[in-house]
Amino acid sequence: QYEYEFNFSISVFVMLNELKYITALGDYVKLVTVHDPIIVLATMKSFVAQLPPERFMRIHKSYIINIDKVDKYNSRNIEIDGEKIPLSRHKKTDLIEALSA
């Protein structure tokens, strides 16, 4: 239940418990929340640096997920609210460890 301010060229306030995942869109980043998505000019790397690592994980070069929002997963995808998100084969073990913590 934390509100988080991402500092870029503008301030974007997002409740972390409402953030489902983040995806790269070229030079932009799309924050997918339980409400409306938010698109900002930023890099995935900048989000990784600002998000709490115990709750958020980069599972693919184009995706950061909220670990608490994962409904199910297999060796290739995770699912959040019915949306399939690709899982890098190199991140599978890290995901299993994070989900079991």
N, C-alpha and C. Protein backbone atom coordinates (compact mmCIF):
# COMPACT_ATOMS: atom_id res chain seq x y z
N GLN A 1 0.83 -1.19 0.00
CA GLN A 1 0.00 0.00 0.00
C GLN A 1 0.87 1.24 0.00
N TYR A 2 1.86 1.28 -0.83
CA TYR A 2 2.72 2.43 -0.91
C TYR A 2 2.43 3.23 -2.16
N GLU A 3 2.42 4.54 -1.99
CA GLU A 3 2.33 5.39 -3.17
C GLU A 3 3.77 5.68 -3.57
N TYR A 4 4.05 5.61 -4.83
CA TYR A 4 5.41 5.81 -5.28
C TYR A 4 5.45 6.89 -6.34
N GLU A 5 6.40 7.80 -6.22
CA GLU A 5 6.57 8.85 -7.20
C GLU A 5 7.75 8.51 -8.08
N PHE A 6 7.50 8.33 -9.36
CA PHE A 6 8.56 8.09 -10.32
C PHE A 6 9.00 9.44 -10.84
N ASN A 7 10.28 9.75 -10.70
CA ASN A 7 10.78 11.06 -11.10
C ASN A 7 11.43 11.00 -12.46
N PHE A 8 10.74 11.53 -13.43
CA PHE A 8 11.26 11.67 -14.78
C PHE A 8 11.03 13.13 -15.16
N SER A 9 10.72 13.43 -16.39
CA SER A 9 10.47 14.81 -16.78
C SER A 9 9.19 15.34 -16.15
N ILE A 10 8.27 14.42 -15.80
CA ILE A 10 7.09 14.78 -15.03
C ILE A 10 6.98 13.78 -13.90
N SER A 11 6.22 14.12 -12.89
CA SER A 11 6.02 13.18 -11.78
C SER A 11 4.77 12.35 -12.04
N VAL A 12 4.90 11.06 -11.86
CA VAL A 12 3.78 10.14 -12.01
C VAL A 12 3.61 9.42 -10.67
N PHE A 13 2.43 9.54 -10.08
CA PHE A 13 2.16 8.87 -8.82
C PHE A 13 1.37 7.60 -9.08
N VAL A 14 1.88 6.49 -8.55
CA VAL A 14 1.25 5.19 -8.74
C VAL A 14 1.28 4.46 -7.40
N MET A 15 0.14 3.88 -7.05
CA MET A 15 0.10 3.02 -5.87
C MET A 15 0.74 1.69 -6.29
N LEU A 16 1.81 1.30 -5.61
CA LEU A 16 2.52 0.09 -6.02
C LEU A 16 1.66 -1.15 -5.98
N ASN A 17 0.71 -1.21 -5.06
CA ASN A 17 -0.16 -2.39 -5.01
C ASN A 17 -1.16 -2.41 -6.17
N GLU A 18 -1.29 -1.30 -6.92
CA GLU A 18 -2.17 -1.25 -8.08
C GLU A 18 -1.41 -1.47 -9.39
N LEU A 19 -0.09 -1.51 -9.32
CA LEU A 19 0.74 -1.70 -10.51
C LEU A 19 0.87 -3.19 -10.79
N LYS A 20 0.38 -3.63 -11.95
CA LYS A 20 0.44 -5.06 -12.31
C LYS A 20 1.75 -5.40 -12.99
N TYR A 21 2.09 -4.65 -14.02
CA TYR A 21 3.36 -4.87 -14.70
C TYR A 21 3.73 -3.65 -15.52
N ILE A 22 4.96 -3.66 -15.99
CA ILE A 22 5.49 -2.58 -16.82
C ILE A 22 6.05 -3.22 -18.08
N THR A 23 5.78 -2.59 -19.21
CA THR A 23 6.29 -3.12 -20.47
C THR A 23 6.95 -2.02 -21.29
N ALA A 24 7.97 -2.39 -22.01
CA ALA A 24 8.70 -1.46 -22.87
C ALA A 24 7.95 -1.25 -24.17
N LEU A 25 7.90 0.00 -24.61
CA LEU A 25 7.29 0.37 -25.89
C LEU A 25 8.26 1.28 -26.64
N GLY A 26 9.34 0.73 -27.11
CA GLY A 26 10.35 1.56 -27.78
C GLY A 26 11.01 2.50 -26.78
N ASP A 27 10.91 3.80 -27.02
CA ASP A 27 11.47 4.79 -26.10
C ASP A 27 10.56 5.08 -24.91
N TYR A 28 9.39 4.47 -24.89
CA TYR A 28 8.41 4.70 -23.83
C TYR A 28 8.27 3.45 -22.97
N VAL A 29 7.63 3.63 -21.84
CA VAL A 29 7.34 2.54 -20.93
C VAL A 29 5.86 2.64 -20.57
N LYS A 30 5.19 1.51 -20.60
CA LYS A 30 3.76 1.46 -20.26
C LYS A 30 3.59 0.81 -18.90
N LEU A 31 2.98 1.55 -17.97
CA LEU A 31 2.67 1.03 -16.65
C LEU A 31 1.24 0.52 -16.69
N VAL A 32 1.05 -0.77 -16.51
CA VAL A 32 -0.27 -1.37 -16.54
C VAL A 32 -0.74 -1.51 -15.09
N THR A 33 -1.81 -0.79 -14.77
CA THR A 33 -2.33 -0.78 -13.40
C THR A 33 -3.71 -1.44 -13.38
N VAL A 34 -4.27 -1.56 -12.19
CA VAL A 34 -5.63 -2.12 -12.08
C VAL A 34 -6.65 -1.14 -12.65
N HIS A 35 -6.24 0.09 -12.88
CA HIS A 35 -7.11 1.10 -13.49
C HIS A 35 -6.65 1.31 -14.94
N ASP A 36 -6.31 2.51 -15.31
CA ASP A 36 -5.88 2.81 -16.67
C ASP A 36 -4.38 2.69 -16.81
N PRO A 37 -3.91 2.26 -18.00
CA PRO A 37 -2.45 2.24 -18.22
C PRO A 37 -1.91 3.66 -18.34
N ILE A 38 -0.63 3.81 -18.00
CA ILE A 38 0.05 5.09 -18.07
C ILE A 38 1.28 4.89 -18.95
N ILE A 39 1.48 5.78 -19.91
CA ILE A 39 2.65 5.69 -20.79
C ILE A 39 3.53 6.90 -20.52
N VAL A 40 4.82 6.63 -20.27
CA VAL A 40 5.79 7.69 -19.99
C VAL A 40 7.05 7.48 -20.82
N LEU A 41 7.72 8.57 -21.07
CA LEU A 41 9.01 8.52 -21.77
C LEU A 41 10.07 8.17 -20.73
N ALA A 42 10.56 6.95 -20.76
CA ALA A 42 11.51 6.47 -19.75
C ALA A 42 12.12 5.17 -20.24
N THR A 43 13.06 4.64 -19.47
CA THR A 43 13.67 3.36 -19.80
C THR A 43 13.28 2.31 -18.76
N MET A 44 13.34 1.06 -19.17
CA MET A 44 13.09 -0.03 -18.23
C MET A 44 14.13 -0.01 -17.11
N LYS A 45 15.36 0.29 -17.47
CA LYS A 45 16.45 0.32 -16.49
C LYS A 45 16.15 1.33 -15.37
N SER A 46 15.59 2.47 -15.73
CA SER A 46 15.28 3.48 -14.71
C SER A 46 14.19 2.99 -13.76
N PHE A 47 13.25 2.21 -14.26
CA PHE A 47 12.21 1.66 -13.39
C PHE A 47 12.78 0.58 -12.48
N VAL A 48 13.63 -0.28 -13.02
CA VAL A 48 14.25 -1.32 -12.19
C VAL A 48 15.00 -0.68 -11.02
N ALA A 49 15.66 0.43 -11.28
CA ALA A 49 16.43 1.11 -10.24
C ALA A 49 15.54 1.73 -9.16
N GLN A 50 14.29 2.09 -9.49
CA GLN A 50 13.42 2.77 -8.54
C GLN A 50 12.44 1.88 -7.80
N LEU A 51 12.14 0.72 -8.35
CA LEU A 51 11.15 -0.17 -7.74
C LEU A 51 11.77 -1.05 -6.66
N PRO A 52 10.99 -1.36 -5.61
CA PRO A 52 11.52 -2.26 -4.56
C PRO A 52 11.72 -3.67 -5.11
N PRO A 53 12.95 -4.19 -5.06
CA PRO A 53 13.25 -5.50 -5.67
C PRO A 53 12.53 -6.68 -5.01
N GLU A 54 12.07 -6.53 -3.80
CA GLU A 54 11.35 -7.62 -3.15
C GLU A 54 9.93 -7.77 -3.69
N ARG A 55 9.43 -6.77 -4.41
CA ARG A 55 8.07 -6.83 -4.95
C ARG A 55 8.00 -6.83 -6.47
N PHE A 56 9.06 -6.36 -7.12
CA PHE A 56 9.06 -6.24 -8.57
C PHE A 56 10.28 -6.93 -9.16
N MET A 57 10.06 -7.55 -10.32
CA MET A 57 11.12 -8.34 -10.94
C MET A 57 11.07 -8.20 -12.45
N ARG A 58 12.23 -8.05 -13.04
CA ARG A 58 12.32 -8.03 -14.50
C ARG A 58 12.40 -9.49 -14.95
N ILE A 59 11.37 -9.93 -15.67
CA ILE A 59 11.30 -11.34 -16.08
C ILE A 59 11.61 -11.54 -17.56
N HIS A 60 11.83 -10.43 -18.26
CA HIS A 60 12.05 -10.46 -19.70
C HIS A 60 12.64 -9.11 -20.04
N LYS A 61 13.32 -8.99 -21.18
CA LYS A 61 13.92 -7.70 -21.53
C LYS A 61 12.88 -6.59 -21.65
N SER A 62 11.62 -6.98 -21.91
CA SER A 62 10.57 -5.98 -22.10
C SER A 62 9.52 -5.93 -20.99
N TYR A 63 9.71 -6.69 -19.91
CA TYR A 63 8.68 -6.75 -18.87
C TYR A 63 9.26 -6.73 -17.45
N ILE A 64 8.62 -5.95 -16.60
CA ILE A 64 8.83 -5.97 -15.15
C ILE A 64 7.47 -6.29 -14.55
N ILE A 65 7.42 -7.23 -13.63
CA ILE A 65 6.14 -7.62 -13.05
C ILE A 65 6.09 -7.33 -11.55
N ASN A 66 4.86 -7.16 -11.06
CA ASN A 66 4.60 -7.11 -9.63
C ASN A 66 4.43 -8.57 -9.21
N ILE A 67 5.33 -9.06 -8.40
CA ILE A 67 5.32 -10.47 -7.99
C ILE A 67 4.01 -10.84 -7.31
N ASP A 68 3.43 -9.90 -6.57
CA ASP A 68 2.17 -10.16 -5.85
C ASP A 68 0.98 -10.36 -6.79
N LYS A 69 1.10 -9.96 -8.03
CA LYS A 69 -0.03 -10.03 -8.98
C LYS A 69 -0.01 -11.29 -9.85
N VAL A 70 1.01 -12.12 -9.73
CA VAL A 70 1.12 -13.32 -10.57
C VAL A 70 0.05 -14.34 -10.17
N ASP A 71 -0.78 -14.72 -11.14
CA ASP A 71 -1.82 -15.72 -10.89
C ASP A 71 -1.29 -17.13 -11.12
N LYS A 72 -0.57 -17.31 -12.22
CA LYS A 72 0.03 -18.62 -12.51
C LYS A 72 1.19 -18.42 -13.48
N TYR A 73 1.98 -19.47 -13.63
CA TYR A 73 3.13 -19.41 -14.53
C TYR A 73 3.47 -20.80 -15.02
N ASN A 74 4.20 -20.83 -16.14
CA ASN A 74 4.77 -22.08 -16.63
C ASN A 74 6.18 -21.74 -17.12
N SER A 75 6.78 -22.62 -17.86
CA SER A 75 8.17 -22.40 -18.26
C SER A 75 8.34 -21.29 -19.29
N ARG A 76 7.26 -20.85 -19.91
CA ARG A 76 7.36 -19.84 -20.97
C ARG A 76 6.65 -18.52 -20.68
N ASN A 77 5.61 -18.56 -19.82
CA ASN A 77 4.79 -17.37 -19.57
C ASN A 77 4.40 -17.27 -18.11
N ILE A 78 4.04 -16.06 -17.72
CA ILE A 78 3.33 -15.87 -16.47
C ILE A 78 1.98 -15.28 -16.83
N GLU A 79 1.04 -15.37 -15.92
CA GLU A 79 -0.28 -14.81 -16.17
C GLU A 79 -0.68 -13.88 -15.04
N ILE A 80 -1.11 -12.68 -15.42
CA ILE A 80 -1.61 -11.69 -14.48
C ILE A 80 -2.96 -11.22 -15.00
N ASP A 81 -4.01 -11.46 -14.24
CA ASP A 81 -5.38 -11.08 -14.63
C ASP A 81 -5.72 -11.52 -16.05
N GLY A 82 -5.36 -12.74 -16.40
CA GLY A 82 -5.69 -13.29 -17.70
C GLY A 82 -4.78 -12.87 -18.84
N GLU A 83 -3.81 -12.00 -18.56
CA GLU A 83 -2.87 -11.55 -19.59
C GLU A 83 -1.60 -12.37 -19.52
N LYS A 84 -1.20 -12.97 -20.64
CA LYS A 84 0.03 -13.75 -20.68
C LYS A 84 1.21 -12.84 -20.96
N ILE A 85 2.26 -13.02 -20.18
CA ILE A 85 3.47 -12.22 -20.29
C ILE A 85 4.64 -13.19 -20.47
N PRO A 86 5.50 -12.96 -21.47
CA PRO A 86 6.60 -13.89 -21.71
C PRO A 86 7.60 -13.91 -20.56
N LEU A 87 8.11 -15.10 -20.28
CA LEU A 87 9.11 -15.32 -19.23
C LEU A 87 10.41 -15.77 -19.89
N SER A 88 11.47 -15.02 -19.66
CA SER A 88 12.78 -15.41 -20.18
C SER A 88 13.22 -16.70 -19.51
N ARG A 89 13.77 -17.61 -20.28
CA ARG A 89 14.20 -18.89 -19.68
C ARG A 89 15.29 -18.68 -18.64
N HIS A 90 16.03 -17.58 -18.74
CA HIS A 90 17.08 -17.29 -17.76
C HIS A 90 16.53 -16.73 -16.45
N LYS A 91 15.27 -16.33 -16.44
CA LYS A 91 14.66 -15.74 -15.24
C LYS A 91 13.73 -16.70 -14.51
N LYS A 92 13.51 -17.88 -15.05
CA LYS A 92 12.55 -18.81 -14.46
C LYS A 92 12.92 -19.18 -13.02
N THR A 93 14.17 -19.53 -12.78
CA THR A 93 14.60 -19.91 -11.43
C THR A 93 14.44 -18.75 -10.45
N ASP A 94 14.79 -17.54 -10.88
CA ASP A 94 14.62 -16.36 -10.02
C ASP A 94 13.16 -16.13 -9.70
N LEU A 95 12.28 -16.34 -10.67
CA LEU A 95 10.85 -16.15 -10.45
C LEU A 95 10.33 -17.16 -9.43
N ILE A 96 10.71 -18.41 -9.56
CA ILE A 96 10.27 -19.45 -8.63
C ILE A 96 10.72 -19.10 -7.22
N GLU A 97 11.96 -18.65 -7.07
CA GLU A 97 12.46 -18.25 -5.74
C GLU A 97 11.68 -17.07 -5.19
N ALA A 98 11.40 -16.08 -6.02
CA ALA A 98 10.68 -14.90 -5.56
C ALA A 98 9.25 -15.24 -5.16
N LEU A 99 8.59 -16.12 -5.90
CA LEU A 99 7.23 -16.49 -5.57
C LEU A 99 7.14 -17.34 -4.32
N SER A 100 8.18 -18.07 -4.00
CA SER A 100 8.16 -18.91 -2.82
C SER A 100 8.60 -18.18 -1.55
N ALA A 101 9.11 -16.96 -1.71
CA ALA A 101 9.59 -16.18 -0.55
C ALA A 101 8.44 -15.60 0.24
